[in-house]
Amino acid sequence: MHCYFCRHNTKEIDFIETETLKPFISLLGKIKARKKTGLCSRHQKQVSQAIKRARELALLPYTKK
């Protein structure tokens, strides 16, 4: 298992934990691809949904400066 969340036995990814989500965002503010993050498909979908929710609630910016 190469997935970060599978290794740490994480069941669900919470959008409020922004420090956990920041490494999965590129310098331009885009969500990194699954090949670059090394996540499994289930966790990649959860991360992308959590990032989108956090952006809507203004917990994460849409773009980085």
Protein backbone atom coordinates (compact mmCIF):
# COMPACT_ATOMS: atom_id res chain seq x y z
CA MET A 1 0.00 0.00 0.00
CA HIS A 2 1.47 3.31 -1.08
CA CYS A 3 -1.48 5.51 -0.17
CA TYR A 4 -0.77 7.94 2.68
CA PHE A 5 -4.24 7.56 4.18
CA CYS A 6 -4.25 3.75 3.85
CA ARG A 7 -0.92 3.59 5.69
CA HIS A 8 -2.25 5.76 8.53
CA ASN A 9 -5.55 3.82 8.60
CA THR A 10 -7.71 6.89 7.95
CA LYS A 11 -11.34 6.08 7.20
CA GLU A 12 -12.60 9.53 6.20
CA ILE A 13 -10.91 12.79 5.29
CA ASP A 14 -12.34 15.87 6.97
CA PHE A 15 -12.44 19.18 5.09
CA ILE A 16 -11.85 21.13 8.31
CA GLU A 17 -8.31 19.71 8.66
CA THR A 18 -6.72 22.06 6.15
CA GLU A 19 -3.14 21.25 7.17
CA THR A 20 -3.73 17.68 5.99
CA LEU A 21 -5.09 18.89 2.64
CA LYS A 22 -2.42 21.50 1.81
CA PRO A 23 0.21 19.02 0.51
CA PHE A 24 -2.28 17.85 -2.13
CA ILE A 25 -2.60 21.32 -3.70
CA SER A 26 -0.05 22.54 -6.27
CA LEU A 27 1.69 25.91 -6.22
CA LEU A 28 -0.92 27.33 -8.58
CA GLY A 29 -3.76 26.13 -6.35
CA LYS A 30 -4.82 23.11 -8.41
CA ILE A 31 -5.58 19.72 -6.92
CA LYS A 32 -2.64 17.42 -7.65
CA ALA A 33 -3.19 14.35 -9.78
CA ARG A 34 -3.39 10.86 -8.36
CA LYS A 35 -0.08 9.89 -9.96
CA LYS A 36 1.71 12.72 -8.16
CA THR A 37 0.04 12.26 -4.77
CA GLY A 38 0.32 8.47 -4.71
CA LEU A 39 -3.18 8.07 -3.26
CA CYS A 40 -5.57 5.26 -4.03
CA SER A 41 -8.67 6.15 -6.03
CA ARG A 42 -10.98 6.15 -3.01
CA HIS A 43 -8.84 8.55 -1.01
CA GLN A 44 -8.07 10.75 -4.04
CA LYS A 45 -11.82 11.30 -4.50
CA GLN A 46 -12.24 12.07 -0.81
CA VAL A 47 -9.33 14.52 -0.86
CA SER A 48 -10.64 16.35 -3.91
CA GLN A 49 -14.13 16.62 -2.39
CA ALA A 50 -12.68 17.84 0.92
CA ILE A 51 -10.58 20.48 -0.87
CA LYS A 52 -13.61 21.68 -2.83
CA ARG A 53 -15.72 21.92 0.34
CA ALA A 54 -12.96 23.75 2.19
CA ARG A 55 -12.66 26.24 -0.66
CA GLU A 56 -16.37 26.98 -0.62
CA LEU A 57 -16.27 27.65 3.12
CA ALA A 58 -13.16 29.85 2.65
CA LEU A 59 -10.95 27.54 4.70
CA LEU A 60 -8.60 27.13 1.71
CA PRO A 61 -7.93 29.67 -1.04
CA TYR A 62 -8.76 28.95 -4.67
CA THR A 63 -5.33 30.21 -5.73
CA LYS A 64 -2.06 30.68 -3.90
CA LYS A 65 -0.18 33.98 -3.98
